[in-house]
Amino acid sequence: MLSEDDRRGWNAIDKAAKEAGGYLAPPNRPLIIEHDYRAMTQYCREKNISKIDMTEDEIKMFEYPEPLIYA
C-alpha cells in the first residue's frame, strides 16, 4: 500500500506527464532482427555451404539495416 507521500509523488509525476503530452516507454516486445533469407540461400549455394555452417559475420551480412519491432 502506498503512503500518502508516495501518492503525492505519483500524482506529481502523473501531472507532469499529462502536461508534457503523456508517458514514453520502451517497447515491451523484443527487437526482432530480420534477415534476407533469399540472398542468404543464394550465398550458401555459391559457397557450397549450409546455413548452419555460416559464421556470425556471414550471417550479419544479411541483416536488414533497420531492425523491426512488432507491436
N, C-alpha and C. Protein backbone atom coordinates (compact mmCIF):
# COMPACT_ATOMS: atom_id res chain seq x y z
N MET A 1 0.84 -1.18 0.00
CA MET A 1 0.00 0.00 0.00
C MET A 1 0.89 1.24 0.00
N LEU A 2 0.51 2.22 -0.79
CA LEU A 2 1.29 3.44 -0.89
C LEU A 2 1.00 4.37 0.29
N SER A 3 2.05 5.00 0.74
CA SER A 3 1.87 6.01 1.79
C SER A 3 1.33 7.28 1.14
N GLU A 4 0.91 8.20 1.96
CA GLU A 4 0.38 9.47 1.46
C GLU A 4 1.46 10.24 0.70
N ASP A 5 2.70 10.19 1.19
CA ASP A 5 3.80 10.86 0.49
C ASP A 5 4.05 10.22 -0.88
N ASP A 6 3.98 8.89 -0.93
CA ASP A 6 4.17 8.20 -2.20
C ASP A 6 3.08 8.59 -3.20
N ARG A 7 1.85 8.67 -2.71
CA ARG A 7 0.73 9.07 -3.58
C ARG A 7 0.93 10.47 -4.13
N ARG A 8 1.37 11.38 -3.27
CA ARG A 8 1.63 12.75 -3.74
C ARG A 8 2.72 12.74 -4.81
N GLY A 9 3.73 11.94 -4.58
CA GLY A 9 4.81 11.84 -5.57
C GLY A 9 4.31 11.33 -6.91
N TRP A 10 3.50 10.27 -6.87
CA TRP A 10 2.95 9.73 -8.12
C TRP A 10 1.99 10.71 -8.77
N ASN A 11 1.23 11.43 -7.97
CA ASN A 11 0.32 12.44 -8.53
C ASN A 11 1.11 13.53 -9.24
N ALA A 12 2.25 13.92 -8.66
CA ALA A 12 3.09 14.93 -9.30
C ALA A 12 3.65 14.42 -10.62
N ILE A 13 4.06 13.15 -10.64
CA ILE A 13 4.56 12.55 -11.88
C ILE A 13 3.45 12.48 -12.92
N ASP A 14 2.27 12.06 -12.52
CA ASP A 14 1.13 11.99 -13.45
C ASP A 14 0.79 13.37 -14.01
N LYS A 15 0.82 14.37 -13.17
CA LYS A 15 0.50 15.73 -13.61
C LYS A 15 1.55 16.22 -14.61
N ALA A 16 2.83 15.98 -14.31
CA ALA A 16 3.90 16.40 -15.21
C ALA A 16 3.80 15.67 -16.55
N ALA A 17 3.48 14.39 -16.51
CA ALA A 17 3.34 13.62 -17.75
C ALA A 17 2.17 14.14 -18.58
N LYS A 18 1.08 14.46 -17.92
CA LYS A 18 -0.09 14.98 -18.63
C LYS A 18 0.24 16.30 -19.30
N GLU A 19 0.96 17.16 -18.60
CA GLU A 19 1.33 18.46 -19.17
C GLU A 19 2.33 18.30 -20.32
N ALA A 20 3.14 17.26 -20.27
CA ALA A 20 4.13 17.03 -21.33
C ALA A 20 3.56 16.27 -22.52
N GLY A 21 2.34 15.81 -22.41
CA GLY A 21 1.72 15.11 -23.53
C GLY A 21 1.65 13.60 -23.37
N GLY A 22 2.00 13.09 -22.21
CA GLY A 22 1.88 11.65 -21.97
C GLY A 22 3.19 11.02 -21.56
N TYR A 23 3.13 9.73 -21.34
CA TYR A 23 4.30 8.96 -20.93
C TYR A 23 5.00 8.38 -22.15
N LEU A 24 6.30 8.15 -22.02
CA LEU A 24 7.06 7.42 -23.02
C LEU A 24 7.60 6.17 -22.36
N ALA A 25 7.56 5.08 -23.07
CA ALA A 25 8.06 3.83 -22.53
C ALA A 25 8.70 3.03 -23.67
N PRO A 26 9.71 2.26 -23.36
CA PRO A 26 10.30 1.42 -24.40
C PRO A 26 9.31 0.33 -24.81
N PRO A 27 9.45 -0.18 -26.01
CA PRO A 27 8.54 -1.25 -26.42
C PRO A 27 8.69 -2.45 -25.49
N ASN A 28 7.59 -3.09 -25.22
CA ASN A 28 7.65 -4.22 -24.29
C ASN A 28 7.91 -5.54 -25.00
N ARG A 29 8.11 -5.48 -26.30
CA ARG A 29 8.47 -6.68 -27.05
C ARG A 29 9.92 -6.57 -27.47
N PRO A 30 10.58 -7.69 -27.62
CA PRO A 30 11.99 -7.64 -28.00
C PRO A 30 12.18 -7.17 -29.43
N LEU A 31 13.36 -6.66 -29.67
CA LEU A 31 13.73 -6.24 -31.01
C LEU A 31 13.90 -7.48 -31.88
N ILE A 32 13.31 -7.46 -33.05
CA ILE A 32 13.38 -8.60 -33.96
C ILE A 32 14.35 -8.24 -35.08
N ILE A 33 15.41 -9.00 -35.24
CA ILE A 33 16.35 -8.77 -36.33
C ILE A 33 15.96 -9.67 -37.48
N GLU A 34 15.68 -9.05 -38.61
CA GLU A 34 15.25 -9.79 -39.80
C GLU A 34 16.44 -10.02 -40.72
N HIS A 35 16.40 -11.11 -41.45
CA HIS A 35 17.44 -11.45 -42.41
C HIS A 35 16.86 -11.65 -43.79
N ASP A 36 17.68 -11.37 -44.79
CA ASP A 36 17.29 -11.61 -46.17
C ASP A 36 17.64 -13.06 -46.50
N TYR A 37 16.69 -13.96 -46.24
CA TYR A 37 16.94 -15.39 -46.40
C TYR A 37 17.13 -15.79 -47.86
N ARG A 38 16.52 -15.08 -48.77
CA ARG A 38 16.71 -15.41 -50.18
C ARG A 38 18.16 -15.16 -50.59
N ALA A 39 18.70 -14.01 -50.21
CA ALA A 39 20.10 -13.70 -50.51
C ALA A 39 21.04 -14.64 -49.75
N MET A 40 20.68 -14.99 -48.53
CA MET A 40 21.49 -15.90 -47.73
C MET A 40 21.55 -17.28 -48.40
N THR A 41 20.42 -17.75 -48.90
CA THR A 41 20.38 -19.05 -49.58
C THR A 41 21.25 -19.02 -50.83
N GLN A 42 21.16 -17.95 -51.59
CA GLN A 42 21.98 -17.82 -52.80
C GLN A 42 23.47 -17.82 -52.44
N TYR A 43 23.82 -17.10 -51.39
CA TYR A 43 25.21 -17.05 -50.92
C TYR A 43 25.71 -18.45 -50.55
N CYS A 44 24.89 -19.19 -49.82
CA CYS A 44 25.28 -20.53 -49.41
C CYS A 44 25.45 -21.46 -50.60
N ARG A 45 24.61 -21.32 -51.61
CA ARG A 45 24.75 -22.14 -52.81
C ARG A 45 26.05 -21.83 -53.53
N GLU A 46 26.36 -20.52 -53.61
CA GLU A 46 27.59 -20.12 -54.30
C GLU A 46 28.84 -20.61 -53.55
N LYS A 47 28.79 -20.59 -52.21
CA LYS A 47 29.92 -21.02 -51.39
C LYS A 47 29.89 -22.53 -51.11
N ASN A 48 28.81 -23.19 -51.53
CA ASN A 48 28.62 -24.62 -51.29
C ASN A 48 28.71 -24.97 -49.80
N ILE A 49 27.99 -24.18 -49.01
CA ILE A 49 27.92 -24.42 -47.56
C ILE A 49 26.46 -24.44 -47.12
N SER A 50 26.23 -24.95 -45.93
CA SER A 50 24.90 -24.96 -45.35
C SER A 50 24.74 -23.71 -44.48
N LYS A 51 23.52 -23.26 -44.31
CA LYS A 51 23.29 -22.09 -43.45
C LYS A 51 23.79 -22.32 -42.03
N ILE A 52 23.70 -23.54 -41.56
CA ILE A 52 24.13 -23.86 -40.20
C ILE A 52 25.64 -23.69 -40.05
N ASP A 53 26.38 -23.74 -41.16
CA ASP A 53 27.83 -23.61 -41.12
C ASP A 53 28.32 -22.18 -41.30
N MET A 54 27.40 -21.25 -41.47
CA MET A 54 27.80 -19.84 -41.65
C MET A 54 28.36 -19.27 -40.36
N THR A 55 29.33 -18.38 -40.50
CA THR A 55 29.89 -17.70 -39.33
C THR A 55 28.96 -16.56 -38.94
N GLU A 56 29.17 -16.01 -37.75
CA GLU A 56 28.35 -14.88 -37.31
C GLU A 56 28.52 -13.69 -38.24
N ASP A 57 29.74 -13.46 -38.70
CA ASP A 57 29.98 -12.35 -39.62
C ASP A 57 29.25 -12.54 -40.94
N GLU A 58 29.21 -13.77 -41.42
CA GLU A 58 28.49 -14.04 -42.66
C GLU A 58 26.99 -13.81 -42.46
N ILE A 59 26.46 -14.24 -41.35
CA ILE A 59 25.04 -14.05 -41.07
C ILE A 59 24.70 -12.57 -40.97
N LYS A 60 25.58 -11.80 -40.33
CA LYS A 60 25.34 -10.36 -40.19
C LYS A 60 25.28 -9.64 -41.52
N MET A 61 25.94 -10.21 -42.53
CA MET A 61 25.90 -9.57 -43.86
C MET A 61 24.48 -9.52 -44.40
N PHE A 62 23.59 -10.38 -43.90
CA PHE A 62 22.25 -10.49 -44.45
C PHE A 62 21.17 -9.88 -43.55
N GLU A 63 21.59 -9.17 -42.51
CA GLU A 63 20.62 -8.47 -41.65
C GLU A 63 20.11 -7.25 -42.39
N TYR A 64 18.82 -7.02 -42.28
CA TYR A 64 18.28 -5.79 -42.82
C TYR A 64 18.80 -4.63 -42.00
N PRO A 65 19.02 -3.46 -42.62
CA PRO A 65 19.63 -2.34 -41.89
C PRO A 65 18.79 -1.82 -40.73
N GLU A 66 17.49 -1.87 -40.83
CA GLU A 66 16.62 -1.38 -39.76
C GLU A 66 15.92 -2.56 -39.09
N PRO A 67 16.27 -2.85 -37.83
CA PRO A 67 15.53 -3.92 -37.14
C PRO A 67 14.06 -3.56 -37.03
N LEU A 68 13.22 -4.57 -37.05
CA LEU A 68 11.78 -4.36 -36.97
C LEU A 68 11.30 -4.63 -35.56
N ILE A 69 10.34 -3.84 -35.12
CA ILE A 69 9.70 -4.05 -33.82
C ILE A 69 8.25 -4.36 -34.10
N TYR A 70 7.79 -5.50 -33.65
CA TYR A 70 6.40 -5.87 -33.87
C TYR A 70 5.56 -5.39 -32.70
N ALA A 71 4.44 -4.81 -33.02
CA ALA A 71 3.55 -4.31 -31.97
C ALA A 71 2.58 -5.37 -31.54
